[in-house]
Amino acid sequence: MGRTGVCWDNSAAESFWSTFKTEFYDRHRWAKKSEAKIASGRWIEERYNRRRRHSSIGMLTPVLFEKHQLQTAQAA
């Protein structure tokens, strides 16, 4: 961990938030905070984790990548 405000210290989180804002948050408006929380959780679980492929993990979805990792670990 380096200085405060250095984005490279937490690049994975910075990448996620950039994607979240670009692909989801900036495209919607909600009447209530509770609606935004529910919609955000749904987007993360249904879109980001299950359908969106990630280049850093071989163009797999996070769910498929974790399943593959688990199968590999169990086979060893």
Protein backbone atom coordinates (compact mmCIF):
# COMPACT_ATOMS: atom_id res chain seq x y z
CA MET A 1 0.00 0.00 0.00
CA GLY A 2 1.39 3.31 -1.05
CA ARG A 3 0.29 6.89 -0.70
CA THR A 4 -3.33 7.91 -0.34
CA GLY A 5 -5.07 8.41 -3.66
CA VAL A 6 -2.76 6.25 -5.76
CA CYS A 7 -5.10 4.20 -7.94
CA TRP A 8 -2.53 1.46 -8.73
CA ASP A 9 -2.62 0.32 -5.08
CA ASN A 10 -6.02 -1.22 -5.65
CA SER A 11 -6.35 -1.58 -9.39
CA ALA A 12 -8.85 -4.47 -9.27
CA ALA A 13 -11.30 -2.45 -7.18
CA GLU A 14 -10.74 0.65 -9.32
CA SER A 15 -11.46 -1.41 -12.44
CA PHE A 16 -14.66 -2.82 -10.95
CA TRP A 17 -15.99 0.59 -9.92
CA SER A 18 -15.18 2.04 -13.33
CA THR A 19 -17.09 -0.78 -15.03
CA PHE A 20 -19.98 -0.49 -12.57
CA LYS A 21 -20.35 3.24 -13.15
CA THR A 22 -19.99 3.05 -16.93
CA GLU A 23 -22.15 0.01 -17.64
CA PHE A 24 -24.80 0.42 -14.95
CA TYR A 25 -24.92 3.32 -12.51
CA ASP A 26 -24.65 6.22 -14.95
CA ARG A 27 -27.43 4.73 -17.11
CA HIS A 28 -30.17 4.63 -14.43
CA ARG A 29 -32.05 6.86 -12.00
CA TRP A 30 -33.95 5.66 -8.94
CA ALA A 31 -36.62 7.26 -6.79
CA LYS A 32 -35.37 5.64 -3.58
CA LYS A 33 -32.01 4.62 -2.18
CA SER A 34 -33.41 1.15 -1.46
CA GLU A 35 -34.28 0.68 -5.14
CA ALA A 36 -30.72 1.59 -6.13
CA LYS A 37 -29.27 -0.88 -3.63
CA ILE A 38 -31.44 -3.73 -4.89
CA ALA A 39 -30.77 -2.94 -8.55
CA SER A 40 -27.02 -2.64 -7.92
CA GLY A 41 -26.86 -6.00 -6.16
CA ARG A 42 -28.86 -7.60 -8.95
CA TRP A 43 -26.53 -6.15 -11.62
CA ILE A 44 -23.43 -7.38 -9.79
CA GLU A 45 -24.79 -10.88 -9.24
CA GLU A 46 -26.62 -11.42 -12.53
CA ARG A 47 -24.56 -9.44 -15.05
CA TYR A 48 -21.06 -8.86 -13.67
CA ASN A 49 -20.53 -12.25 -12.01
CA ARG A 50 -22.53 -14.56 -14.28
CA ARG A 51 -22.57 -13.11 -17.82
CA ARG A 52 -19.77 -10.57 -18.22
CA ARG A 53 -16.53 -12.17 -19.39
CA HIS A 54 -13.31 -10.80 -17.89
CA SER A 55 -10.08 -10.56 -19.87
CA SER A 56 -7.90 -10.97 -16.76
CA ILE A 57 -9.30 -14.48 -16.13
CA GLY A 58 -9.16 -15.87 -19.64
CA MET A 59 -12.44 -14.40 -20.93
CA LEU A 60 -14.49 -16.41 -18.43
CA THR A 61 -17.17 -15.12 -16.11
CA PRO A 62 -16.12 -14.97 -12.44
CA VAL A 63 -18.57 -17.78 -11.59
CA LEU A 64 -17.16 -20.09 -14.29
CA PHE A 65 -13.59 -19.19 -13.31
CA GLU A 66 -14.24 -20.12 -9.67
CA LYS A 67 -15.88 -23.41 -10.71
CA HIS A 68 -12.85 -24.21 -12.86
CA GLN A 69 -10.47 -23.36 -10.01
CA LEU A 70 -12.43 -25.56 -7.62
CA GLN A 71 -12.44 -28.50 -10.05
CA THR A 72 -8.69 -28.10 -10.62
CA ALA A 73 -8.01 -28.02 -6.88
CA GLN A 74 -10.17 -31.09 -6.25
CA ALA A 75 -8.46 -33.03 -9.03
CA ALA A 76 -5.00 -32.37 -7.54
